Protein backbone atom coordinates (compact mmCIF):
# COMPACT_ATOMS: atom_id res chain seq x y z
CA MET A 1 2.04 -1.42 -15.81
CA THR A 2 3.19 -3.39 -12.87
CA THR A 3 0.89 -4.42 -9.98
CA ASN A 4 2.23 -5.67 -6.62
CA GLU A 5 -0.01 -6.88 -3.76
CA TYR A 6 0.65 -6.66 0.05
CA GLN A 7 -0.84 -7.96 3.16
CA VAL A 8 -1.28 -5.16 5.75
CA SER A 9 -1.65 -5.77 9.50
CA GLY A 10 -3.62 -3.37 11.80
CA MET A 11 -6.20 -1.79 9.54
CA THR A 12 -9.67 -1.69 11.01
CA CYS A 13 -11.51 1.23 9.18
CA GLY A 14 -11.77 3.56 6.40
CA HIS A 15 -9.51 5.92 8.11
CA CYS A 16 -6.72 3.35 8.18
CA GLU A 17 -7.35 2.84 4.38
CA MET A 18 -7.12 6.62 3.77
CA SER A 19 -3.90 6.96 5.73
CA ILE A 20 -2.18 4.21 3.81
CA ARG A 21 -3.49 5.55 0.49
CA GLU A 22 -2.05 8.98 1.26
CA GLU A 23 1.41 7.67 2.24
CA VAL A 24 1.77 5.34 -0.61
CA GLY A 25 0.37 7.93 -2.98
CA LEU A 26 3.49 10.09 -2.24
CA ILE A 27 5.68 7.40 -4.14
CA ALA A 28 6.75 8.63 -7.54
CA GLY A 29 5.05 6.69 -10.43
CA VAL A 30 2.28 5.14 -8.46
CA GLU A 31 -0.79 5.26 -10.66
CA SER A 32 -3.45 3.52 -8.51
CA ILE A 33 -3.89 2.26 -5.01
CA GLU A 34 -6.53 -0.21 -3.88
CA VAL A 35 -6.61 -0.83 -0.03
CA SER A 36 -9.15 -2.76 2.05
CA ALA A 37 -9.40 -2.83 5.85
CA ARG A 38 -11.95 -5.59 5.46
CA THR A 39 -9.49 -7.98 3.63
CA GLY A 40 -6.20 -6.45 4.79
CA ARG A 41 -5.06 -6.15 1.24
CA LEU A 42 -3.14 -3.49 -0.51
CA ARG A 43 -2.77 -3.27 -4.27
CA VAL A 44 -0.30 -0.74 -5.92
CA THR A 45 -0.13 -0.19 -9.64
CA ALA A 46 2.67 1.91 -11.38
CA ALA A 47 3.76 2.48 -14.87
CA GLN A 48 7.21 1.16 -14.09
CA GLY A 49 8.46 -1.32 -11.57
CA ILE A 50 7.47 -0.90 -7.85
CA ASP A 51 10.12 -0.55 -5.17
CA ASP A 52 8.69 -2.86 -2.46
CA ALA A 53 10.95 -1.18 0.23
CA ARG A 54 9.33 2.15 -0.52
CA VAL A 55 5.86 0.84 -0.35
CA LEU A 56 6.59 -1.05 2.89
CA ALA A 57 8.13 2.01 4.33
CA ALA A 58 5.12 4.17 3.41
CA VAL A 59 2.81 1.81 5.11
CA GLU A 60 4.95 1.88 8.18
CA ASP A 61 4.93 5.67 8.04
CA ALA A 62 1.21 5.39 8.18
CA GLY A 63 1.36 3.26 11.34
CA TYR A 64 0.88 -0.13 9.95
CA SER A 65 2.96 -3.17 8.82
CA ALA A 66 2.92 -5.04 5.63
CA VAL A 67 4.38 -7.94 3.79
CA ARG A 68 4.62 -8.42 -0.01
CA ASP A 69 2.32 -11.25 -1.40
CA ARG A 70 4.18 -13.40 -3.70
């Protein structure tokens, strides 16, 4: 299992969390998604490696911006 964390800008509510969860959930191999508007954090877990570019693009498709936490 691989887990990557991201800082997301622009989330304010549960609907924001749901939008991000839906878009990131479309990425093949993603097993779990934790997202919090309160903290602005997104944690994505997958069985194999996670392609940051795909996660960041999915967040953007949901209407937000994100950067990978190192």
